[in-house]
C-alpha atoms as a PDB file:
ATOM      1  CA  MET A   1     103.468  92.782  82.152  1.00  0.00           C
ATOM      2  CA  ARG A   2     101.760  90.281  84.787  1.00  0.00           C
ATOM      3  CA  SER A   3     105.232  89.084  86.062  1.00  0.00           C
ATOM      4  CA  LYS A   4     106.517  92.565  86.509  1.00  0.00           C
ATOM      5  CA  ASP A   5     103.475  93.176  88.723  1.00  0.00           C
ATOM      6  CA  SER A   6     104.032  90.069  90.520  1.00  0.00           C
ATOM      7  CA  ILE A   7     107.860  90.880  91.104  1.00  0.00           C
ATOM      8  CA  VAL A   8     107.058  94.496  92.370  1.00  0.00           C
ATOM      9  CA  ARG A   9     104.413  93.058  94.776  1.00  0.00           C
ATOM     10  CA  PHE A  10     107.104  90.427  95.813  1.00  0.00           C
ATOM     11  CA  HIS A  11     109.623  93.353  96.508  1.00  0.00           C
ATOM     12  CA  ARG A  12     106.969  95.663  98.152  1.00  0.00           C
ATOM     13  CA  PHE A  13     105.848  92.606 100.467  1.00  0.00           C
ATOM     14  CA  GLN A  14     109.606  92.135 101.468  1.00  0.00           C
ATOM     15  CA  PHE A  15     110.145  95.755 102.221  1.00  0.00           C
ATOM     16  CA  GLU A  16     106.932  95.712 104.285  1.00  0.00           C
ATOM     17  CA  GLU A  17     107.705  92.742 105.996  1.00  0.00           C
ATOM     18  CA  LYS A  18     110.937  94.166 107.056  1.00  0.00           C
ATOM     19  CA  GLN A  19     109.582  97.281 108.272  1.00  0.00           C
ATOM     20  CA  GLN A  20     107.043  95.541 110.244  1.00  0.00           C
ATOM     21  CA  GLN A  21     109.765  93.500 111.969  1.00  0.00           C
ATOM     22  CA  VAL A  22     111.605  96.873 112.856  1.00  0.00           C
ATOM     23  CA  SER A  23     108.449  98.130 114.581  1.00  0.00           C
ATOM     24  CA  GLU A  24     108.029  94.984 116.575  1.00  0.00           C
ATOM     25  CA  VAL A  25     111.331  95.188 117.857  1.00  0.00           C
ATOM     26  CA  GLU A  26     111.064  98.701 118.734  1.00  0.00           C
ATOM     27  CA  VAL A  27     107.737  97.895 120.504  1.00  0.00           C
ATOM     28  CA  MET A  28     109.626  95.333 122.387  1.00  0.00           C
ATOM     29  CA  ILE A  29     112.314  98.022 123.571  1.00  0.00           C
ATOM     30  CA  GLY A  30     109.769 100.342 124.689  1.00  0.00           C
ATOM     31  CA  GLU A  31     108.149  97.654 126.770  1.00  0.00           C
ATOM     32  CA  PHE A  32     111.393  96.697 128.173  1.00  0.00           C
ATOM     33  CA  ASN A  33     112.162 100.209 129.146  1.00  0.00           C
ATOM     34  CA  ARG A  34     108.826 100.607 130.942  1.00  0.00           C
ATOM     35  CA  LYS A  35     109.578  97.390 132.818  1.00  0.00           C
ATOM     36  CA  LEU A  36     113.092  98.660 133.612  1.00  0.00           C
ATOM     37  CA  SER A  37     111.790 101.714 135.080  1.00  0.00           C
ATOM     38  CA  GLU A  38     109.149  99.792 137.109  1.00  0.00           C
ATOM     39  CA  LEU A  39     112.106  97.450 138.384  1.00  0.00           C
ATOM     40  CA  GLU A  40     114.063 100.594 139.469  1.00  0.00           C
ATOM     41  CA  GLN A  41     111.117 101.940 141.647  1.00  0.00           C
ATOM     42  CA  GLN A  42     110.574  98.437 143.072  1.00  0.00           C
ATOM     43  CA  ILE A  43     114.349  98.237 143.975  1.00  0.00           C
ATOM     44  CA  GLU A  44     114.330 101.690 145.473  1.00  0.00           C
ATOM     45  CA  ALA A  45     111.081 100.840 147.597  1.00  0.00           C
ATOM     46  CA  GLU A  46     112.647  97.612 148.778  1.00  0.00           C
ATOM     47  CA  GLU A  47     115.885  99.421 149.821  1.00  0.00           C
ATOM     48  CA  ILE A  48     113.836 101.951 151.566  1.00  0.00           C
ATOM     49  CA  ARG A  49     112.003  99.397 153.428  1.00  0.00           C
ATOM     50  CA  SER A  50     114.770  97.291 154.511  1.00  0.00           C
ATOM     51  CA  GLY A  51     117.015 100.464 155.332  1.00  0.00           C
ATOM     52  CA  VAL A  52     119.986  99.131 153.276  1.00  0.00           C
ATOM     53  CA  ALA A  53     120.806 100.503 150.006  1.00  0.00           C
ATOM     54  CA  ASP A  54     124.399  99.284 149.486  1.00  0.00           C
ATOM     55  CA  PRO A  55     124.265  95.655 147.601  1.00  0.00           C
ATOM     56  CA  THR A  56     127.447  94.510 148.863  1.00  0.00           C
ATOM     57  CA  HIS A  57     126.208  95.083 152.760  1.00  0.00           C
ATOM     58  CA  PHE A  58     125.483  91.705 154.428  1.00  0.00           C
ATOM     59  CA  ASN A  59     121.974  92.437 155.390  1.00  0.00           C
ATOM     60  CA  TYR A  60     121.109  93.756 151.875  1.00  0.00           C
ATOM     61  CA  SER A  61     117.534  92.450 151.025  1.00  0.00           C
ATOM     62  CA  MET A  62     117.250  89.325 148.833  1.00  0.00           C
ATOM     63  CA  THR A  63     114.260  90.712 147.240  1.00  0.00           C
ATOM     64  CA  ALA A  64     116.265  93.744 146.279  1.00  0.00           C
ATOM     65  CA  LYS A  65     119.141  91.453 144.848  1.00  0.00           C
ATOM     66  CA  SER A  66     116.617  89.428 142.921  1.00  0.00           C
ATOM     67  CA  LEU A  67     115.128  92.802 141.497  1.00  0.00           C
ATOM     68  CA  ARG A  68     118.828  94.043 140.679  1.00  0.00           C
ATOM     69  CA  ASN A  69     119.651  90.868 138.837  1.00  0.00           C
ATOM     70  CA  ARG A  70     116.394  91.109 136.758  1.00  0.00           C
ATOM     71  CA  HIS A  71     117.267  94.867 136.250  1.00  0.00           C
ATOM     72  CA  GLU A  72     120.796  93.681 134.869  1.00  0.00           C
ATOM     73  CA  ASN A  73     119.272  91.084 132.648  1.00  0.00           C
ATOM     74  CA  LEU A  74     116.946  93.285 131.164  1.00  0.00           C
ATOM     75  CA  ILE A  75     119.633  95.987 130.453  1.00  0.00           C
ATOM     76  CA  LYS A  76     121.410  93.285 128.496  1.00  0.00           C
ATOM     77  CA  SER A  77     118.315  92.355 126.647  1.00  0.00           C
ATOM     78  CA  ILE A  78     117.698  96.013 125.817  1.00  0.00           C
ATOM     79  CA  GLU A  79     121.295  96.234 124.384  1.00  0.00           C
ATOM     80  CA  ASP A  80     120.704  93.057 122.373  1.00  0.00           C
ATOM     81  CA  LEU A  81     117.450  94.211 120.771  1.00  0.00           C
ATOM     82  CA  ASN A  82     118.947  97.655 119.875  1.00  0.00           C
ATOM     83  CA  VAL A  83     121.760  95.716 117.970  1.00  0.00           C
ATOM     84  CA  GLN A  84     119.077  93.414 116.279  1.00  0.00           C
ATOM     85  CA  ARG A  85     116.840  96.588 115.261  1.00  0.00           C
ATOM     86  CA  ASP A  86     120.014  98.283 113.818  1.00  0.00           C
ATOM     87  CA  ALA A  87     120.487  95.292 111.825  1.00  0.00           C
ATOM     88  CA  MET A  88     116.903  94.962 110.770  1.00  0.00           C
ATOM     89  CA  LYS A  89     116.801  98.702 109.649  1.00  0.00           C
ATOM     90  CA  VAL A  90     119.954  97.977 107.371  1.00  0.00           C
ATOM     91  CA  LEU A  91     117.733  95.066 105.676  1.00  0.00           C
ATOM     92  CA  ALA A  92     114.675  97.241 105.285  1.00  0.00           C
ATOM     93  CA  ASP A  93     116.891  99.897 103.853  1.00  0.00           C
ATOM     94  CA  GLU A  94     118.345  97.319 101.459  1.00  0.00           C
ATOM     95  CA  ALA A  95     114.784  96.120 100.517  1.00  0.00           C
ATOM     96  CA  GLU A  96     113.601  99.404  99.942  1.00  0.00           C
ATOM     97  CA  ALA A  97     116.327 100.413  97.559  1.00  0.00           C
ATOM     98  CA  GLU A  98     115.771  96.970  95.677  1.00  0.00           C
ATOM     99  CA  LEU A  99     111.866  97.986  95.526  1.00  0.00           C
ATOM    100  CA  ARG A 100     112.715 101.326  94.204  1.00  0.00           C
ATOM    101  CA  LYS A 101     114.987  99.622  91.511  1.00  0.00           C
ATOM    102  CA  VAL A 102     112.349  96.967  90.376  1.00  0.00           C
ATOM    103  CA  GLU A 103     109.685  99.851  90.428  1.00  0.00           C
ATOM    104  CA  LEU A 104     111.906 101.805  88.220  1.00  0.00           C
ATOM    105  CA  ILE A 105     112.503  99.225  85.669  1.00  0.00           C
ATOM    106  CA  ALA A 106     108.949  98.222  85.753  1.00  0.00           C
ATOM    107  CA  GLU A 107     108.063 101.889  85.174  1.00  0.00           C
ATOM    108  CA  LYS A 108     110.270 102.102  82.121  1.00  0.00           C
ATOM    109  CA  GLU A 109     109.026  98.893  80.502  1.00  0.00           C
ATOM    110  CA  GLY A 110     105.331  99.378  80.937  1.00  0.00           C
ATOM    111  CA  GLY A 111     103.825 101.477  83.811  1.00  0.00           C
ATOM    112  CA  VAL A 112     103.491  99.879  87.098  1.00  0.00           C
ATOM    113  CA  GLN A 113     102.613 102.446  89.893  1.00  0.00           C
ATOM    114  CA  SER A 114     105.677 103.102  92.044  1.00  0.00           C
ATOM    115  CA  MET A 115     105.501 103.097  95.986  1.00  0.00           C
ATOM    116  CA  PRO A 116     104.254 106.218  97.703  1.00  0.00           C
ATOM    117  CA  GLU A 117     106.776 108.209  99.204  1.00  0.00           C
ATOM    118  CA  ILE A 118     107.077 107.442 102.890  1.00  0.00           C
ATOM    119  CA  GLU A 119     107.907 110.067 105.728  1.00  0.00           C
ATOM    120  CA  ALA A 120     108.602 108.781 109.213  1.00  0.00           C
ATOM    121  CA  VAL A 121     106.698 111.104 111.524  1.00  0.00           C
ATOM    122  CA  ASP A 122     108.173 109.203 114.761  1.00  0.00           C
ATOM    123  CA  ASP A 123     109.156 105.629 115.630  1.00  0.00           C
ATOM    124  CA  SER A 124     105.655 104.188 115.428  1.00  0.00           C
ATOM    125  CA  ALA A 125     103.739 106.027 112.749  1.00  0.00           C
ATOM    126  CA  LEU A 126     104.384 106.317 109.115  1.00  0.00           C
ATOM    127  CA  VAL A 127     102.542 108.829 107.041  1.00  0.00           C
ATOM    128  CA  THR A 128     102.305 108.339 103.131  1.00  0.00           C
ATOM    129  CA  ARG A 129     102.155 111.386 100.669  1.00  0.00           C
END
């Protein structure tokens, strides 16, 4: 009985850990999107200040060029994080399926309580029933 409990706890821990990793990446994506908006505003302000909005123009602001470069790098980072998050979600789903399987086996063999149903309210909050 004790080993069944520890196996279920281990699988529950793995599942919760993977969910936490997904949440952390989603927070990073949100922060990067906020920074992206700030950069867009800074680029626009610099282009208005300098009077040149064409990046290919010889008199385009060096500050605006630098901001545009940071903007492009941030977009690439967000794309990479989205791919990473999607892969982590797959791993979390697999860990959840494994946890459910272990819980069912433990319940049949001797009564370990199953994990409560989890309903996603939005990307950042979870509610248990």
